[in-house]
Amino acid sequence: NAVRETLRIGDLVERMLDHLLAVLQGRQPELGKAIRRLDDDVDALYAGVKLYLAQLPRGALAENEDRRWAEIIEWAINLEQAGDIIEKMLGKVQHPKTERQPAFTRSDLEELSLLHGELLANLRLGLSVFLSGDAASARQLLRRKRGFRALERRLAHAHVDRLHRQVAQSIETSSAH
């Protein structure tokens, strides 16, 4: 049950990420409210998973069950924190009352979309590994995470280069970027 609910949290985080990209692209600013509601749902599911797991007598669990208990709570915690981070990111790019936001440059949006796609792929693979425990997929996830960090660094440098060139729109959106 806790695994199923943790996967549901992952699905909500994925929807939050999809909505955030749409907000960043300026396509659907009203999705900011949906992101906030989804984060509330993430928080509620996380609380339920945490309370459910807290009721299990860990001393009575077999070693493999105890290890799985720890994996579930760690995933639930990480996903809940991801939801909070997405909501915080939304606050950086969108005023909660007016739904106004700065306009990113085309380069910024392309880079953010690329990073978003990699992040979603990693989330999906991570949830698959969480469910299946497949060692080969876990190794693939570790490789993808290293690649994500390298991409993140490269794109941050590209953004700073635009700042160095005094691209006004990039300067305006830099804190959100």
C-alpha atoms as a PDB file:
ATOM      1  CA  ASN A   1       0.000   0.000   0.000  1.00  0.00           C
ATOM      2  CA  ALA A   2       2.781   2.430   0.873  1.00  0.00           C
ATOM      3  CA  VAL A   3       4.562   1.694  -2.412  1.00  0.00           C
ATOM      4  CA  ARG A   4       1.359   2.356  -4.365  1.00  0.00           C
ATOM      5  CA  GLU A   5       0.759   5.649  -2.546  1.00  0.00           C
ATOM      6  CA  THR A   6       4.383   6.699  -3.007  1.00  0.00           C
ATOM      7  CA  LEU A   7       4.025   6.055  -6.743  1.00  0.00           C
ATOM      8  CA  ARG A   8       0.907   8.260  -6.670  1.00  0.00           C
ATOM      9  CA  ILE A   9       3.017  11.002  -5.083  1.00  0.00           C
ATOM     10  CA  GLY A  10       5.485  10.543  -7.950  1.00  0.00           C
ATOM     11  CA  ASP A  11       2.666  10.907 -10.465  1.00  0.00           C
ATOM     12  CA  LEU A  12       1.575  14.165  -8.802  1.00  0.00           C
ATOM     13  CA  VAL A  13       5.140  15.501  -8.836  1.00  0.00           C
ATOM     14  CA  GLU A  14       5.333  14.643 -12.537  1.00  0.00           C
ATOM     15  CA  ARG A  15       2.124  16.610 -13.176  1.00  0.00           C
ATOM     16  CA  MET A  16       3.524  19.514 -11.173  1.00  0.00           C
ATOM     17  CA  LEU A  17       6.635  19.498 -13.360  1.00  0.00           C
ATOM     18  CA  ASP A  18       4.547  19.413 -16.532  1.00  0.00           C
ATOM     19  CA  HIS A  19       2.466  22.341 -15.294  1.00  0.00           C
ATOM     20  CA  LEU A  20       5.586  24.257 -14.297  1.00  0.00           C
ATOM     21  CA  LEU A  21       7.003  23.974 -17.810  1.00  0.00           C
ATOM     22  CA  ALA A  22       3.748  25.320 -19.249  1.00  0.00           C
ATOM     23  CA  VAL A  23       3.912  28.236 -16.802  1.00  0.00           C
ATOM     24  CA  LEU A  24       7.572  28.904 -17.691  1.00  0.00           C
ATOM     25  CA  GLN A  25       6.695  28.919 -21.369  1.00  0.00           C
ATOM     26  CA  GLY A  26       3.947  31.447 -20.651  1.00  0.00           C
ATOM     27  CA  ARG A  27       1.336  29.171 -22.232  1.00  0.00           C
ATOM     28  CA  GLN A  28      -0.914  28.597 -19.227  1.00  0.00           C
ATOM     29  CA  PRO A  29      -0.191  30.905 -16.301  1.00  0.00           C
ATOM     30  CA  GLU A  30      -3.373  29.736 -14.541  1.00  0.00           C
ATOM     31  CA  LEU A  31      -1.646  26.394 -13.927  1.00  0.00           C
ATOM     32  CA  GLY A  32       0.155  28.045 -11.010  1.00  0.00           C
ATOM     33  CA  LYS A  33      -2.934  27.470  -8.891  1.00  0.00           C
ATOM     34  CA  ALA A  34      -3.044  23.840 -10.011  1.00  0.00           C
ATOM     35  CA  ILE A  35       0.596  23.390  -8.975  1.00  0.00           C
ATOM     36  CA  ARG A  36      -0.193  24.732  -5.510  1.00  0.00           C
ATOM     37  CA  ARG A  37      -3.192  22.378  -5.180  1.00  0.00           C
ATOM     38  CA  LEU A  38      -1.108  19.432  -6.378  1.00  0.00           C
ATOM     39  CA  ASP A  39       1.530  20.234  -3.772  1.00  0.00           C
ATOM     40  CA  ASP A  40      -1.189  20.134  -1.119  1.00  0.00           C
ATOM     41  CA  ASP A  41      -2.179  16.694  -2.444  1.00  0.00           C
ATOM     42  CA  VAL A  42       1.466  15.584  -2.344  1.00  0.00           C
ATOM     43  CA  ASP A  43       1.710  16.758   1.268  1.00  0.00           C
ATOM     44  CA  ALA A  44      -1.466  14.872   2.223  1.00  0.00           C
ATOM     45  CA  LEU A  45      -0.348  11.633   0.555  1.00  0.00           C
ATOM     46  CA  TYR A  46       3.092  11.940   2.114  1.00  0.00           C
ATOM     47  CA  ALA A  47       1.544  12.386   5.562  1.00  0.00           C
ATOM     48  CA  GLY A  48      -0.545   9.271   4.982  1.00  0.00           C
ATOM     49  CA  VAL A  49       2.427   7.179   3.864  1.00  0.00           C
ATOM     50  CA  LYS A  50       4.509   8.413   6.780  1.00  0.00           C
ATOM     51  CA  LEU A  51       1.798   7.637   9.332  1.00  0.00           C
ATOM     52  CA  TYR A  52       1.109   4.237   7.789  1.00  0.00           C
ATOM     53  CA  LEU A  53       4.791   3.299   7.911  1.00  0.00           C
ATOM     54  CA  ALA A  54       5.137   4.653  11.443  1.00  0.00           C
ATOM     55  CA  GLN A  55       2.496   2.152  12.570  1.00  0.00           C
ATOM     56  CA  LEU A  56       4.497  -0.811  11.338  1.00  0.00           C
ATOM     57  CA  PRO A  57       6.535  -2.487  14.086  1.00  0.00           C
ATOM     58  CA  ARG A  58       9.969  -2.329  12.472  1.00  0.00           C
ATOM     59  CA  GLY A  59      11.432  -4.787  14.948  1.00  0.00           C
ATOM     60  CA  ALA A  60       9.012  -7.434  13.667  1.00  0.00           C
ATOM     61  CA  LEU A  61       9.960  -6.891  10.024  1.00  0.00           C
ATOM     62  CA  ALA A  62      12.291  -9.254   8.218  1.00  0.00           C
ATOM     63  CA  GLU A  63      15.569  -7.736   7.011  1.00  0.00           C
ATOM     64  CA  ASN A  64      14.358  -7.340   3.420  1.00  0.00           C
ATOM     65  CA  GLU A  65      11.058  -5.811   4.629  1.00  0.00           C
ATOM     66  CA  ASP A  66      12.930  -3.385   6.868  1.00  0.00           C
ATOM     67  CA  ARG A  67      15.138  -2.371   3.933  1.00  0.00           C
ATOM     68  CA  ARG A  68      12.026  -1.848   1.778  1.00  0.00           C
ATOM     69  CA  TRP A  69      10.432   0.190   4.602  1.00  0.00           C
ATOM     70  CA  ALA A  70      13.460   2.494   4.536  1.00  0.00           C
ATOM     71  CA  GLU A  71      13.358   2.767   0.722  1.00  0.00           C
ATOM     72  CA  ILE A  72       9.683   3.695   0.778  1.00  0.00           C
ATOM     73  CA  ILE A  73      10.039   6.403   3.416  1.00  0.00           C
ATOM     74  CA  GLU A  74      13.126   7.838   1.692  1.00  0.00           C
ATOM     75  CA  TRP A  75      11.299   8.008  -1.642  1.00  0.00           C
ATOM     76  CA  ALA A  76       8.228   9.542  -0.041  1.00  0.00           C
ATOM     77  CA  ILE A  77      10.372  12.171   1.704  1.00  0.00           C
ATOM     78  CA  ASN A  78      12.295  12.993  -1.474  1.00  0.00           C
ATOM     79  CA  LEU A  79       9.131  13.282  -3.553  1.00  0.00           C
ATOM     80  CA  GLU A  80       7.469  15.502  -0.959  1.00  0.00           C
ATOM     81  CA  GLN A  81      10.545  17.725  -0.958  1.00  0.00           C
ATOM     82  CA  ALA A  82      10.474  17.791  -4.781  1.00  0.00           C
ATOM     83  CA  GLY A  83       6.893  19.029  -4.633  1.00  0.00           C
ATOM     84  CA  ASP A  84       7.927  21.780  -2.237  1.00  0.00           C
ATOM     85  CA  ILE A  85      10.821  22.767  -4.508  1.00  0.00           C
ATOM     86  CA  ILE A  86       8.536  22.935  -7.552  1.00  0.00           C
ATOM     87  CA  GLU A  87       6.114  25.153  -5.638  1.00  0.00           C
ATOM     88  CA  LYS A  88       9.023  27.340  -4.527  1.00  0.00           C
ATOM     89  CA  MET A  89      10.253  27.559  -8.128  1.00  0.00           C
ATOM     90  CA  LEU A  90       6.768  28.637  -9.160  1.00  0.00           C
ATOM     91  CA  GLY A  91       6.982  31.436  -6.604  1.00  0.00           C
ATOM     92  CA  LYS A  92      10.204  32.602  -8.259  1.00  0.00           C
ATOM     93  CA  VAL A  93       8.620  32.828 -11.695  1.00  0.00           C
ATOM     94  CA  GLN A  94       5.032  33.783 -10.974  1.00  0.00           C
ATOM     95  CA  HIS A  95       3.375  36.204  -8.604  1.00  0.00           C
ATOM     96  CA  PRO A  96       0.736  34.094  -6.800  1.00  0.00           C
ATOM     97  CA  LYS A  97      -2.036  36.727  -6.937  1.00  0.00           C
ATOM     98  CA  THR A  98      -1.601  38.197 -10.414  1.00  0.00           C
ATOM     99  CA  GLU A  99      -0.090  35.157 -12.133  1.00  0.00           C
ATOM    100  CA  ARG A 100       2.313  37.595 -13.792  1.00  0.00           C
ATOM    101  CA  GLN A 101       5.751  36.385 -14.667  1.00  0.00           C
ATOM    102  CA  PRO A 102       8.812  37.589 -16.508  1.00  0.00           C
ATOM    103  CA  ALA A 103       9.290  36.491 -20.120  1.00  0.00           C
ATOM    104  CA  PHE A 104      12.260  34.218 -20.693  1.00  0.00           C
ATOM    105  CA  THR A 105      14.424  34.524 -23.784  1.00  0.00           C
ATOM    106  CA  ARG A 106      14.005  31.891 -26.455  1.00  0.00           C
ATOM    107  CA  SER A 107      17.389  30.414 -25.499  1.00  0.00           C
ATOM    108  CA  ASP A 108      16.413  30.303 -21.833  1.00  0.00           C
ATOM    109  CA  LEU A 109      13.158  28.512 -22.658  1.00  0.00           C
ATOM    110  CA  GLU A 110      14.864  26.007 -24.938  1.00  0.00           C
ATOM    111  CA  GLU A 111      17.425  25.235 -22.245  1.00  0.00           C
ATOM    112  CA  LEU A 112      14.834  25.006 -19.483  1.00  0.00           C
ATOM    113  CA  SER A 113      12.710  22.720 -21.678  1.00  0.00           C
ATOM    114  CA  LEU A 114      15.714  20.484 -22.346  1.00  0.00           C
ATOM    115  CA  LEU A 115      16.530  20.299 -18.640  1.00  0.00           C
ATOM    116  CA  HIS A 116      12.860  19.660 -17.861  1.00  0.00           C
ATOM    117  CA  GLY A 117      12.751  16.742 -20.290  1.00  0.00           C
ATOM    118  CA  GLU A 118      15.818  15.166 -18.726  1.00  0.00           C
ATOM    119  CA  LEU A 119      14.406  15.678 -15.234  1.00  0.00           C
ATOM    120  CA  LEU A 120      11.116  14.019 -16.190  1.00  0.00           C
ATOM    121  CA  ALA A 121      12.938  11.077 -17.773  1.00  0.00           C
ATOM    122  CA  ASN A 122      14.992  10.651 -14.596  1.00  0.00           C
ATOM    123  CA  LEU A 123      11.886  10.866 -12.406  1.00  0.00           C
ATOM    124  CA  ARG A 124      10.130   8.205 -14.471  1.00  0.00           C
ATOM    125  CA  LEU A 125      13.161   5.931 -14.470  1.00  0.00           C
ATOM    126  CA  GLY A 126      13.627   6.473 -10.747  1.00  0.00           C
ATOM    127  CA  LEU A 127      10.020   5.517 -10.033  1.00  0.00           C
ATOM    128  CA  SER A 128      10.478   2.424 -12.181  1.00  0.00           C
ATOM    129  CA  VAL A 129      13.585   1.473 -10.222  1.00  0.00           C
ATOM    130  CA  PHE A 130      11.733   2.136  -6.963  1.00  0.00           C
ATOM    131  CA  LEU A 131       8.968  -0.222  -8.026  1.00  0.00           C
ATOM    132  CA  SER A 132      11.041  -2.966  -9.664  1.00  0.00           C
ATOM    133  CA  GLY A 133      14.387  -2.805  -7.880  1.00  0.00           C
ATOM    134  CA  ASP A 134      16.048  -3.600 -11.215  1.00  0.00           C
ATOM    135  CA  ALA A 135      19.824  -3.218 -10.794  1.00  0.00           C
ATOM    136  CA  ALA A 136      20.531  -2.452 -14.468  1.00  0.00           C
ATOM    137  CA  SER A 137      17.935   0.322 -14.462  1.00  0.00           C
ATOM    138  CA  ALA A 138      19.392   1.670 -11.218  1.00  0.00           C
ATOM    139  CA  ARG A 139      22.835   1.882 -12.846  1.00  0.00           C
ATOM    140  CA  GLN A 140      21.261   3.598 -15.859  1.00  0.00           C
ATOM    141  CA  LEU A 141      19.602   6.093 -13.502  1.00  0.00           C
ATOM    142  CA  LEU A 142      22.944   6.889 -11.863  1.00  0.00           C
ATOM    143  CA  ARG A 143      24.469   7.539 -15.301  1.00  0.00           C
ATOM    144  CA  ARG A 144      21.523   9.717 -16.276  1.00  0.00           C
ATOM    145  CA  LYS A 145      21.794  11.698 -13.023  1.00  0.00           C
ATOM    146  CA  ARG A 146      25.477  12.406 -13.719  1.00  0.00           C
ATOM    147  CA  GLY A 147      24.531  13.484 -17.238  1.00  0.00           C
ATOM    148  CA  PHE A 148      21.798  15.718 -15.829  1.00  0.00           C
ATOM    149  CA  ARG A 149      24.260  17.478 -13.522  1.00  0.00           C
ATOM    150  CA  ALA A 150      26.659  18.020 -16.433  1.00  0.00           C
ATOM    151  CA  LEU A 151      23.827  19.406 -18.577  1.00  0.00           C
ATOM    152  CA  GLU A 152      22.713  21.658 -15.729  1.00  0.00           C
ATOM    153  CA  ARG A 153      26.244  23.066 -15.418  1.00  0.00           C
ATOM    154  CA  ARG A 154      26.548  23.599 -19.167  1.00  0.00           C
ATOM    155  CA  LEU A 155      23.216  25.405 -19.347  1.00  0.00           C
ATOM    156  CA  ALA A 156      24.036  27.540 -16.305  1.00  0.00           C
ATOM    157  CA  HIS A 157      27.244  28.617 -18.029  1.00  0.00           C
ATOM    158  CA  ALA A 158      25.282  29.447 -21.189  1.00  0.00           C
ATOM    159  CA  HIS A 159      22.887  31.581 -19.131  1.00  0.00           C
ATOM    160  CA  VAL A 160      25.768  33.387 -17.425  1.00  0.00           C
ATOM    161  CA  ASP A 161      27.274  33.996 -20.864  1.00  0.00           C
ATOM    162  CA  ARG A 162      24.035  35.743 -21.888  1.00  0.00           C
ATOM    163  CA  LEU A 163      24.279  37.822 -18.712  1.00  0.00           C
ATOM    164  CA  HIS A 164      27.867  38.684 -19.594  1.00  0.00           C
ATOM    165  CA  ARG A 165      26.690  39.813 -23.038  1.00  0.00           C
ATOM    166  CA  GLN A 166      24.130  42.045 -21.274  1.00  0.00           C
ATOM    167  CA  VAL A 167      21.060  40.354 -22.798  1.00  0.00           C
ATOM    168  CA  ALA A 168      18.395  42.442 -21.064  1.00  0.00           C
ATOM    169  CA  GLN A 169      15.714  39.755 -21.007  1.00  0.00           C
ATOM    170  CA  SER A 170      18.133  37.245 -19.461  1.00  0.00           C
ATOM    171  CA  ILE A 171      19.149  39.764 -16.829  1.00  0.00           C
ATOM    172  CA  GLU A 172      15.483  40.387 -16.010  1.00  0.00           C
ATOM    173  CA  THR A 173      14.723  36.672 -15.567  1.00  0.00           C
ATOM    174  CA  SER A 174      18.038  35.571 -14.096  1.00  0.00           C
ATOM    175  CA  SER A 175      16.868  34.910 -10.532  1.00  0.00           C
ATOM    176  CA  ALA A 176      13.981  32.822 -11.858  1.00  0.00           C
ATOM    177  CA  HIS A 177      16.277  31.000 -14.270  1.00  0.00           C
END
